PDB file of N, CA and C in Angstrom:
ATOM      1  N   MET A   1       0.894  -1.176  -0.111  1.00  0.00           N
ATOM      2  CA  MET A   1       0.086   0.033   0.007  1.00  0.00           C
ATOM      3  C   MET A   1       0.904   1.175  -0.299  1.00  0.00           C
ATOM      4  N   ARG A   2       0.586   2.336  -0.898  1.00  0.00           N
ATOM      5  CA  ARG A   2       1.123   3.260  -1.097  1.00  0.00           C
ATOM      6  C   ARG A   2       0.319   4.504  -0.194  1.00  0.00           C
ATOM      7  N   CYS A   3       1.336   5.181   0.482  1.00  0.00           N
ATOM      8  CA  CYS A   3       0.877   6.331   1.301  1.00  0.00           C
ATOM      9  C   CYS A   3       1.097   7.578   0.722  1.00  0.00           C
ATOM     10  N   SER A   4       0.369   8.481   0.344  1.00  0.00           N
ATOM     11  CA  SER A   4       0.779   9.756  -0.227  1.00  0.00           C
ATOM     12  C   SER A   4       0.436  10.731   0.996  1.00  0.00           C
ATOM     13  N   ARG A   5       1.139  12.035   1.032  1.00  0.00           N
ATOM     14  CA  ARG A   5       1.375  12.764   1.879  1.00  0.00           C
ATOM     15  C   ARG A   5       1.256  14.025   1.150  1.00  0.00           C
ATOM     16  N   ALA A   6       0.265  15.286   1.417  1.00  0.00           N
ATOM     17  CA  ALA A   6       0.239  16.579   0.839  1.00  0.00           C
ATOM     18  C   ALA A   6       1.480  17.165   1.382  1.00  0.00           C
ATOM     19  N   ALA A   7       2.321  18.198   0.468  1.00  0.00           N
ATOM     20  CA  ALA A   7       2.945  19.136   1.052  1.00  0.00           C
ATOM     21  C   ALA A   7       2.720  19.717   2.044  1.00  0.00           C
ATOM     22  N   ALA A   8       3.208  19.921   3.146  1.00  0.00           N
ATOM     23  CA  ALA A   8       3.088  20.579   4.438  1.00  0.00           C
ATOM     24  C   ALA A   8       3.684  22.307   4.489  1.00  0.00           C
ATOM     25  N   PHE A   9       3.375  23.093   4.208  1.00  0.00           N
ATOM     26  CA  PHE A   9       3.580  24.486   4.311  1.00  0.00           C
ATOM     27  C   PHE A   9       3.595  25.198   5.783  1.00  0.00           C
ATOM     28  N   ILE A  10       4.280  26.128   5.918  1.00  0.00           N
ATOM     29  CA  ILE A  10       4.202  26.654   7.094  1.00  0.00           C
ATOM     30  C   ILE A  10       3.763  28.210   6.527  1.00  0.00           C
ATOM     31  N   TRP A  11       2.824  28.874   7.386  1.00  0.00           N
ATOM     32  CA  TRP A  11       2.084  30.068   6.960  1.00  0.00           C
ATOM     33  C   TRP A  11       2.793  31.177   7.592  1.00  0.00           C
ATOM     34  N   LEU A  12       3.078  32.107   6.946  1.00  0.00           N
ATOM     35  CA  LEU A  12       4.024  33.291   7.360  1.00  0.00           C
ATOM     36  C   LEU A  12       2.907  34.416   7.678  1.00  0.00           C
ATOM     37  N   LEU A  13       3.052  35.121   8.544  1.00  0.00           N
ATOM     38  CA  LEU A  13       2.427  36.510   8.722  1.00  0.00           C
ATOM     39  C   LEU A  13       3.960  37.637   8.687  1.00  0.00           C
ATOM     40  N   LEU A  14       3.435  38.334   7.267  1.00  0.00           N
ATOM     41  CA  LEU A  14       4.525  38.980   6.938  1.00  0.00           C
ATOM     42  C   LEU A  14       3.774  40.697   7.416  1.00  0.00           C
ATOM     43  N   VAL A  15       5.010  41.488   7.678  1.00  0.00           N
ATOM     44  CA  VAL A  15       4.733  42.729   7.598  1.00  0.00           C
ATOM     45  C   VAL A  15       5.568  43.678   6.938  1.00  0.00           C
ATOM     46  N   PRO A  16       5.382  44.775   6.469  1.00  0.00           N
ATOM     47  CA  PRO A  16       5.917  45.870   5.440  1.00  0.00           C
ATOM     48  C   PRO A  16       7.214  46.205   6.079  1.00  0.00           C
ATOM     49  N   PRO A  17       8.312  46.324   5.543  1.00  0.00           N
ATOM     50  CA  PRO A  17       9.418  47.389   5.805  1.00  0.00           C
ATOM     51  C   PRO A  17       8.863  49.011   5.991  1.00  0.00           C
ATOM     52  N   LEU A  18       9.683  49.380   7.253  1.00  0.00           N
ATOM     53  CA  LEU A  18       9.478  50.915   7.408  1.00  0.00           C
ATOM     54  C   LEU A  18      10.119  51.605   6.308  1.00  0.00           C
ATOM     55  N   THR A  19       9.475  52.855   5.979  1.00  0.00           N
ATOM     56  CA  THR A  19      10.049  53.718   5.174  1.00  0.00           C
ATOM     57  C   THR A  19      11.392  54.509   5.956  1.00  0.00           C
ATOM     58  N   ASN A  20      11.763  55.425   5.222  1.00  0.00           N
ATOM     59  CA  ASN A  20      12.800  56.219   5.756  1.00  0.00           C
ATOM     60  C   ASN A  20      12.211  57.722   5.833  1.00  0.00           C
ATOM     61  N   ASP A  21      11.055  57.908   6.081  1.00  0.00           N
ATOM     62  CA  ASP A  21      10.369  58.893   6.089  1.00  0.00           C
ATOM     63  C   ASP A  21      10.414  59.303   7.448  1.00  0.00           C
ATOM     64  N   VAL A  22      10.049  60.827   7.913  1.00  0.00           N
ATOM     65  CA  VAL A  22      10.298  61.083   9.134  1.00  0.00           C
ATOM     66  C   VAL A  22       8.630  61.773   9.328  1.00  0.00           C
ATOM     67  N   PRO A  23       7.876  61.183  10.315  1.00  0.00           N
ATOM     68  CA  PRO A  23       8.136  60.054  10.893  1.00  0.00           C
ATOM     69  C   PRO A  23       7.959  58.703   9.944  1.00  0.00           C
ATOM     70  N   PRO A  24       8.542  57.744  10.422  1.00  0.00           N
ATOM     71  CA  PRO A  24       8.586  56.355   9.559  1.00  0.00           C
ATOM     72  C   PRO A  24       7.118  55.952   9.627  1.00  0.00           C
ATOM     73  N   SER A  25       7.096  55.280   8.392  1.00  0.00           N
ATOM     74  CA  SER A  25       5.431  54.440   8.190  1.00  0.00           C
ATOM     75  C   SER A  25       5.895  53.459   7.296  1.00  0.00           C
ATOM     76  N   SER A  26       4.715  52.641   7.278  1.00  0.00           N
ATOM     77  CA  SER A  26       5.141  51.207   6.594  1.00  0.00           C
ATOM     78  C   SER A  26       4.761  51.651   5.150  1.00  0.00           C
ATOM     79  N   ASP A  27       5.489  50.505   4.380  1.00  0.00           N
ATOM     80  CA  ASP A  27       5.598  50.569   2.887  1.00  0.00           C
ATOM     81  C   ASP A  27       4.743  49.253   2.381  1.00  0.00           C
ATOM     82  N   PRO A  28       3.491  49.326   2.167  1.00  0.00           N
ATOM     83  CA  PRO A  28       2.556  48.003   1.889  1.00  0.00           C
ATOM     84  C   PRO A  28       3.111  47.498   0.252  1.00  0.00           C
ATOM     85  N   HIS A  29       3.680  48.610  -0.263  1.00  0.00           N
ATOM     86  CA  HIS A  29       3.933  48.202  -1.696  1.00  0.00           C
ATOM     87  C   HIS A  29       5.283  47.878  -1.977  1.00  0.00           C
ATOM     88  N   ALA A  30       6.129  47.658  -0.823  1.00  0.00           N
ATOM     89  CA  ALA A  30       7.447  47.032  -1.054  1.00  0.00           C
ATOM     90  C   ALA A  30       7.293  45.583  -1.628  1.00  0.00           C
ATOM     91  N   PRO A  31       8.219  45.171  -2.369  1.00  0.00           N
ATOM     92  CA  PRO A  31       8.344  43.792  -2.849  1.00  0.00           C
ATOM     93  C   PRO A  31       8.279  42.811  -1.664  1.00  0.00           C
ATOM     94  N   LEU A  32       7.685  41.675  -1.692  1.00  0.00           N
ATOM     95  CA  LEU A  32       7.515  40.923  -0.776  1.00  0.00           C
ATOM     96  C   LEU A  32       8.703  40.372   0.085  1.00  0.00           C
ATOM     97  N   PRO A  33       9.811  39.984  -0.960  1.00  0.00           N
ATOM     98  CA  PRO A  33      11.132  39.614  -0.160  1.00  0.00           C
ATOM     99  C   PRO A  33      11.603  40.559   0.647  1.00  0.00           C
ATOM    100  N   HIS A  34      11.052  41.696   0.691  1.00  0.00           N
ATOM    101  CA  HIS A  34      11.746  42.908   1.657  1.00  0.00           C
ATOM    102  C   HIS A  34      10.614  42.779   3.022  1.00  0.00           C
ATOM    103  N   TRP A  35       9.525  42.139   3.064  1.00  0.00           N
ATOM    104  CA  TRP A  35       8.855  42.286   4.155  1.00  0.00           C
ATOM    105  C   TRP A  35       9.393  41.512   5.276  1.00  0.00           C
ATOM    106  N   GLU A  36       9.309  41.441   6.630  1.00  0.00           N
ATOM    107  CA  GLU A  36       9.693  40.829   7.699  1.00  0.00           C
ATOM    108  C   GLU A  36       8.674  40.003   8.283  1.00  0.00           C
ATOM    109  N   VAL A  37       9.093  38.889   8.788  1.00  0.00           N
ATOM    110  CA  VAL A  37       8.420  37.773   9.081  1.00  0.00           C
ATOM    111  C   VAL A  37       7.897  38.050  10.747  1.00  0.00           C
ATOM    112  N   GLU A  38       6.569  38.497  10.942  1.00  0.00           N
ATOM    113  CA  GLU A  38       6.074  38.752  12.256  1.00  0.00           C
ATOM    114  C   GLU A  38       5.985  37.259  13.185  1.00  0.00           C
ATOM    115  N   SER A  39       5.286  36.308  12.198  1.00  0.00           N
ATOM    116  CA  SER A  39       5.112  34.884  12.871  1.00  0.00           C
ATOM    117  C   SER A  39       4.938  33.848  12.001  1.00  0.00           C
ATOM    118  N   SER A  40       5.183  32.732  12.410  1.00  0.00           N
ATOM    119  CA  SER A  40       5.178  31.624  11.584  1.00  0.00           C
ATOM    120  C   SER A  40       4.121  30.646  12.303  1.00  0.00           C
ATOM    121  N   LEU A  41       3.030  30.109  11.298  1.00  0.00           N
ATOM    122  CA  LEU A  41       1.767  29.620  12.063  1.00  0.00           C
ATOM    123  C   LEU A  41       1.705  28.144  11.110  1.00  0.00           C
ATOM    124  N   GLU A  42       1.137  27.339  11.684  1.00  0.00           N
ATOM    125  CA  GLU A  42       0.961  26.038  11.005  1.00  0.00           C
ATOM    126  C   GLU A  42      -0.493  25.964   9.790  1.00  0.00           C
ATOM    127  N   THR A  43      -1.643  26.658  10.213  1.00  0.00           N
ATOM    128  CA  THR A  43      -2.519  26.822   9.029  1.00  0.00           C
ATOM    129  C   THR A  43      -2.891  28.283   8.582  1.00  0.00           C
ATOM    130  N   ALA A  44      -3.341  28.293   7.479  1.00  0.00           N
ATOM    131  CA  ALA A  44      -3.650  29.559   6.692  1.00  0.00           C
ATOM    132  C   ALA A  44      -4.905  30.304   7.947  1.00  0.00           C
ATOM    133  N   ASP A  45      -5.761  29.533   8.506  1.00  0.00           N
ATOM    134  CA  ASP A  45      -6.761  30.164   9.329  1.00  0.00           C
ATOM    135  C   ASP A  45      -5.819  30.911  10.556  1.00  0.00           C
ATOM    136  N   ASP A  46      -5.023  29.968  11.035  1.00  0.00           N
ATOM    137  CA  ASP A  46      -4.320  30.597  12.262  1.00  0.00           C
ATOM    138  C   ASP A  46      -3.372  31.997  11.920  1.00  0.00           C
ATOM    139  N   CYS A  47      -3.025  31.917  10.710  1.00  0.00           N
ATOM    140  CA  CYS A  47      -2.309  32.922  10.156  1.00  0.00           C
ATOM    141  C   CYS A  47      -3.148  34.038   9.957  1.00  0.00           C
ATOM    142  N   GLU A  48      -4.451  34.007   9.435  1.00  0.00           N
ATOM    143  CA  GLU A  48      -5.714  35.176   9.049  1.00  0.00           C
ATOM    144  C   GLU A  48      -6.012  35.574  10.511  1.00  0.00           C
ATOM    145  N   THR A  49      -6.166  34.766  11.507  1.00  0.00           N
ATOM    146  CA  THR A  49      -6.300  34.941  12.782  1.00  0.00           C
ATOM    147  C   THR A  49      -5.348  36.255  13.416  1.00  0.00           C
ATOM    148  N   ALA A  50      -4.294  35.754  13.472  1.00  0.00           N
ATOM    149  CA  ALA A  50      -3.126  36.303  13.752  1.00  0.00           C
ATOM    150  C   ALA A  50      -2.939  37.669  13.318  1.00  0.00           C
ATOM    151  N   ARG A  51      -2.995  37.764  11.839  1.00  0.00           N
ATOM    152  CA  ARG A  51      -3.167  39.065  10.820  1.00  0.00           C
ATOM    153  C   ARG A  51      -3.919  40.078  11.733  1.00  0.00           C
ATOM    154  N   ARG A  52      -5.505  39.569  11.852  1.00  0.00           N
ATOM    155  CA  ARG A  52      -6.572  40.392  12.131  1.00  0.00           C
ATOM    156  C   ARG A  52      -6.156  40.978  13.561  1.00  0.00           C
ATOM    157  N   GLU A  53      -5.486  40.050  14.506  1.00  0.00           N
ATOM    158  CA  GLU A  53      -5.178  40.571  15.788  1.00  0.00           C
ATOM    159  C   GLU A  53      -3.895  41.609  15.656  1.00  0.00           C
ATOM    160  N   PHE A  54      -3.073  41.270  14.722  1.00  0.00           N
ATOM    161  CA  PHE A  54      -1.849  42.284  14.722  1.00  0.00           C
ATOM    162  C   PHE A  54      -2.408  43.703  13.935  1.00  0.00           C
ATOM    163  N   GLU A  55      -3.374  43.577  13.044  1.00  0.00           N
ATOM    164  CA  GLU A  55      -3.908  44.836  12.558  1.00  0.00           C
ATOM    165  C   GLU A  55      -4.663  45.641  13.400  1.00  0.00           C
ATOM    166  N   ALA A  56      -5.456  44.541  14.247  1.00  0.00           N
ATOM    167  CA  ALA A  56      -6.311  45.595  15.301  1.00  0.00           C
ATOM    168  C   ALA A  56      -5.421  46.302  16.206  1.00  0.00           C
ATOM    169  N   PHE A  57      -4.131  45.734  16.754  1.00  0.00           N
ATOM    170  CA  PHE A  57      -3.594  46.298  17.738  1.00  0.00           C
ATOM    171  C   PHE A  57      -2.607  47.160  17.195  1.00  0.00           C
ATOM    172  N   TYR A  58      -2.148  47.233  15.823  1.00  0.00           N
ATOM    173  CA  TYR A  58      -1.560  48.377  15.396  1.00  0.00           C
ATOM    174  C   TYR A  58      -2.137  49.492  14.558  1.00  0.00           C
ATOM    175  N   GLN A  59      -3.395  49.445  14.335  1.00  0.00           N
ATOM    176  CA  GLN A  59      -4.191  50.182  13.856  1.00  0.00           C
ATOM    177  C   GLN A  59      -3.965  51.609  14.010  1.00  0.00           C
ATOM    178  N   GLU A  60      -3.650  51.944  15.049  1.00  0.00           N
ATOM    179  CA  GLU A  60      -3.362  53.268  15.433  1.00  0.00           C
ATOM    180  C   GLU A  60      -1.950  53.678  15.312  1.00  0.00           C
ATOM    181  N   ALA A  61      -1.089  52.601  14.726  1.00  0.00           N
ATOM    182  CA  ALA A  61       0.357  52.811  15.051  1.00  0.00           C
ATOM    183  C   ALA A  61       0.796  52.834  13.450  1.00  0.00           C
ATOM    184  N   LEU A  62       2.109  52.848  13.130  1.00  0.00           N
ATOM    185  CA  LEU A  62       2.863  52.955  11.940  1.00  0.00           C
ATOM    186  C   LEU A  62       2.267  51.783  11.007  1.00  0.00           C
ATOM    187  N   MET A  63       2.580  50.569  11.722  1.00  0.00           N
ATOM    188  CA  MET A  63       2.178  49.267  10.880  1.00  0.00           C
ATOM    189  C   MET A  63       1.059  48.690  11.215  1.00  0.00           C
ATOM    190  N   PHE A  64       0.367  48.830  10.243  1.00  0.00           N
ATOM    191  CA  PHE A  64      -1.284  48.095  10.604  1.00  0.00           C
ATOM    192  C   PHE A  64      -1.449  47.174   9.060  1.00  0.00           C
ATOM    193  N   TYR A  65      -0.540  46.837   8.319  1.00  0.00           N
ATOM    194  CA  TYR A  65      -0.870  46.095   7.336  1.00  0.00           C
ATOM    195  C   TYR A  65      -0.359  44.601   7.615  1.00  0.00           C
ATOM    196  N   GLY A  66      -0.599  43.655   7.332  1.00  0.00           N
ATOM    197  CA  GLY A  66       0.087  42.178   7.435  1.00  0.00           C
ATOM    198  C   GLY A  66      -0.640  41.671   6.164  1.00  0.00           C
ATOM    199  N   VAL A  67       0.163  40.487   5.970  1.00  0.00           N
ATOM    200  CA  VAL A  67      -0.020  39.546   4.629  1.00  0.00           C
ATOM    201  C   VAL A  67       0.117  38.282   5.273  1.00  0.00           C
ATOM    202  N   CYS A  68      -0.682  37.124   4.937  1.00  0.00           N
ATOM    203  CA  CYS A  68      -0.482  35.708   4.960  1.00  0.00           C
ATOM    204  C   CYS A  68       0.031  35.106   3.673  1.00  0.00           C
ATOM    205  N   VAL A  69       1.194  34.448   3.806  1.00  0.00           N
ATOM    206  CA  VAL A  69       1.760  33.623   2.481  1.00  0.00           C
ATOM    207  C   VAL A  69       2.244  32.186   3.279  1.00  0.00           C
ATOM    208  N   SER A  70       2.111  30.929   2.278  1.00  0.00           N
ATOM    209  CA  SER A  70       2.831  30.013   2.691  1.00  0.00           C
ATOM    210  C   SER A  70       4.282  29.955   2.327  1.00  0.00           C
ATOM    211  N   ASP A  71       4.934  29.635   2.979  1.00  0.00           N
ATOM    212  CA  ASP A  71       6.804  29.286   2.897  1.00  0.00           C
ATOM    213  C   ASP A  71       6.964  29.000   1.424  1.00  0.00           C
ATOM    214  N   GLY A  72       6.012  28.472   0.844  1.00  0.00           N
ATOM    215  CA  GLY A  72       6.384  28.022  -0.654  1.00  0.00           C
ATOM    216  C   GLY A  72       5.928  28.883  -1.538  1.00  0.00           C
ATOM    217  N   ASP A  73       5.540  30.176  -1.178  1.00  0.00           N
ATOM    218  CA  ASP A  73       5.067  31.106  -2.378  1.00  0.00           C
ATOM    219  C   ASP A  73       6.124  32.001  -3.007  1.00  0.00           C
ATOM    220  N   PRO A  74       6.011  31.500  -4.490  1.00  0.00           N
ATOM    221  CA  PRO A  74       7.157  31.940  -5.135  1.00  0.00           C
ATOM    222  C   PRO A  74       7.518  33.595  -5.231  1.00  0.00           C
ATOM    223  N   ARG A  75       6.752  34.167  -4.797  1.00  0.00           N
ATOM    224  CA  ARG A  75       6.948  35.822  -4.835  1.00  0.00           C
ATOM    225  C   ARG A  75       8.249  36.058  -3.571  1.00  0.00           C
ATOM    226  N   LEU A  76       8.249  35.165  -2.670  1.00  0.00           N
ATOM    227  CA  LEU A  76       9.409  35.093  -1.416  1.00  0.00           C
ATOM    228  C   LEU A  76      10.628  35.182  -1.962  1.00  0.00           C
ATOM    229  N   ASN A  77      10.672  34.394  -3.116  1.00  0.00           N
ATOM    230  CA  ASN A  77      12.140  34.209  -3.586  1.00  0.00           C
ATOM    231  C   ASN A  77      12.273  34.814  -4.909  1.00  0.00           C
ATOM    232  N   SER A  78      11.396  35.738  -5.452  1.00  0.00           N
ATOM    233  CA  SER A  78      11.592  36.568  -6.594  1.00  0.00           C
ATOM    234  C   SER A  78      12.173  37.732  -6.500  1.00  0.00           C
ATOM    235  N   ASP A  79      13.276  38.049  -7.572  1.00  0.00           N
ATOM    236  CA  ASP A  79      13.702  39.354  -7.657  1.00  0.00           C
ATOM    237  C   ASP A  79      13.011  40.507  -8.400  1.00  0.00           C
ATOM    238  N   ALA A  80      11.501  40.296  -8.572  1.00  0.00           N
ATOM    239  CA  ALA A  80      10.813  40.888  -9.250  1.00  0.00           C
ATOM    240  C   ALA A  80      10.168  42.058  -8.235  1.00  0.00           C
ATOM    241  N   ASP A  81       9.818  43.197  -8.699  1.00  0.00           N
ATOM    242  CA  ASP A  81       9.388  44.291  -7.951  1.00  0.00           C
ATOM    243  C   ASP A  81       7.622  44.447  -7.628  1.00  0.00           C
ATOM    244  N   GLU A  82       7.365  43.027  -7.256  1.00  0.00           N
ATOM    245  CA  GLU A  82       6.018  43.047  -7.140  1.00  0.00           C
ATOM    246  C   GLU A  82       5.565  43.045  -6.008  1.00  0.00           C
ATOM    247  N   PRO A  83       4.866  43.757  -5.754  1.00  0.00           N
ATOM    248  CA  PRO A  83       3.845  44.020  -4.443  1.00  0.00           C
ATOM    249  C   PRO A  83       2.981  43.358  -3.906  1.00  0.00           C
ATOM    250  N   PRO A  84       2.589  42.851  -2.491  1.00  0.00           N
ATOM    251  CA  PRO A  84       1.697  41.787  -2.399  1.00  0.00           C
ATOM    252  C   PRO A  84       0.357  42.307  -2.716  1.00  0.00           C
ATOM    253  N   PHE A  85       0.396  43.917  -2.802  1.00  0.00           N
ATOM    254  CA  PHE A  85      -1.249  44.405  -2.873  1.00  0.00           C
ATOM    255  C   PHE A  85      -0.982  44.872  -4.337  1.00  0.00           C
ATOM    256  N   SER A  86      -2.147  44.922  -5.019  1.00  0.00           N
ATOM    257  CA  SER A  86      -1.991  45.654  -6.512  1.00  0.00           C
ATOM    258  C   SER A  86      -2.785  46.941  -6.154  1.00  0.00           C
TER     259      SER A  86
END
Protein backbone atom coordinates (compact mmCIF):
# COMPACT_ATOMS: atom_id res chain seq x y z
CA MET A 1 0.00 0.00 0.00
CA ARG A 2 1.29 3.39 -0.97
CA CYS A 3 0.70 6.38 1.25
CA SER A 4 0.73 9.85 -0.22
CA ARG A 5 1.12 12.98 1.82
CA ALA A 6 0.38 16.52 0.80
CA ALA A 7 3.20 19.00 1.08
CA ALA A 8 3.09 20.77 4.41
CA PHE A 9 3.57 24.50 4.34
CA ILE A 10 4.29 26.88 7.14
CA TRP A 11 2.20 30.04 6.96
CA LEU A 12 4.03 33.32 7.45
CA LEU A 13 2.51 36.53 8.72
CA LEU A 14 4.56 39.21 6.99
CA VAL A 15 4.66 42.92 7.73
CA PRO A 16 6.01 45.58 5.39
CA PRO A 17 9.33 47.33 5.91
CA LEU A 18 9.46 50.81 7.37
CA THR A 19 10.21 53.77 5.14
CA ASN A 20 12.93 56.33 5.78
CA ASP A 21 10.32 59.05 6.08
CA VAL A 22 10.11 61.25 9.16
CA PRO A 23 8.09 60.05 10.94
CA PRO A 24 8.57 56.52 9.56
CA SER A 25 5.65 54.63 8.12
CA SER A 26 5.16 51.18 6.65
CA ASP A 27 5.50 50.53 2.92
CA PRO A 28 2.81 48.01 1.86
CA HIS A 29 3.92 48.42 -1.77
CA ALA A 30 7.44 47.07 -1.15
CA PRO A 31 8.27 43.78 -2.91
CA LEU A 32 7.38 40.77 -0.77
CA PRO A 33 11.00 39.60 -0.23
CA HIS A 34 11.59 42.86 1.66
CA TRP A 35 8.81 42.21 4.16
CA GLU A 36 9.62 40.88 7.64
CA VAL A 37 8.27 37.73 9.25
CA GLU A 38 6.11 38.64 12.23
CA SER A 39 4.97 35.06 12.97
CA SER A 40 5.15 31.52 11.61
CA LEU A 41 1.94 29.51 11.91
CA GLU A 42 0.73 26.03 11.04
CA THR A 43 -2.45 26.83 9.12
CA ALA A 44 -3.84 29.55 6.88
CA ASP A 45 -6.71 30.06 9.36
CA ASP A 46 -4.26 30.56 12.24
CA CYS A 47 -2.35 33.06 10.12
CA GLU A 48 -5.48 35.02 9.20
CA THR A 49 -6.51 35.16 12.86
CA ALA A 50 -3.05 36.41 13.85
CA ARG A 51 -3.13 38.96 10.99
CA ARG A 52 -6.46 40.37 12.14
CA GLU A 53 -5.21 40.61 15.73
CA PHE A 54 -1.97 42.24 14.58
CA GLU A 55 -3.79 44.78 12.45
CA ALA A 56 -6.25 45.58 15.25
CA PHE A 57 -3.38 46.11 17.70
CA TYR A 58 -1.38 48.33 15.35
CA GLN A 59 -4.35 50.10 13.83
CA GLU A 60 -3.34 53.41 15.38
CA ALA A 61 0.39 52.91 14.88
CA LEU A 62 2.78 52.91 11.96
CA MET A 63 2.37 49.36 10.78
CA PHE A 64 -1.10 48.03 10.36
CA TYR A 65 -0.64 46.01 7.21
CA GLY A 66 -0.06 42.30 7.30
CA VAL A 67 -0.25 39.54 4.75
CA CYS A 68 -0.30 35.75 5.11
CA VAL A 69 1.61 33.63 2.63
CA SER A 70 2.80 30.05 2.63
CA ASP A 71 6.53 29.48 2.84
CA GLY A 72 6.23 27.96 -0.65
CA ASP A 73 4.96 31.19 -2.23
CA PRO A 74 7.26 31.90 -5.21
CA ARG A 75 7.04 35.66 -4.58
CA LEU A 76 9.21 35.20 -1.48
CA ASN A 77 12.17 34.25 -3.67
CA SER A 78 11.44 36.56 -6.56
CA ASP A 79 13.66 39.40 -7.68
CA ALA A 80 10.63 41.05 -9.25
CA ASP A 81 9.40 44.28 -7.72
CA GLU A 82 5.98 42.75 -7.25
CA PRO A 83 4.10 44.14 -4.22
CA PRO A 84 1.69 41.82 -2.42
CA PHE A 85 -1.15 44.29 -2.97
CA SER A 86 -2.21 45.57 -6.37
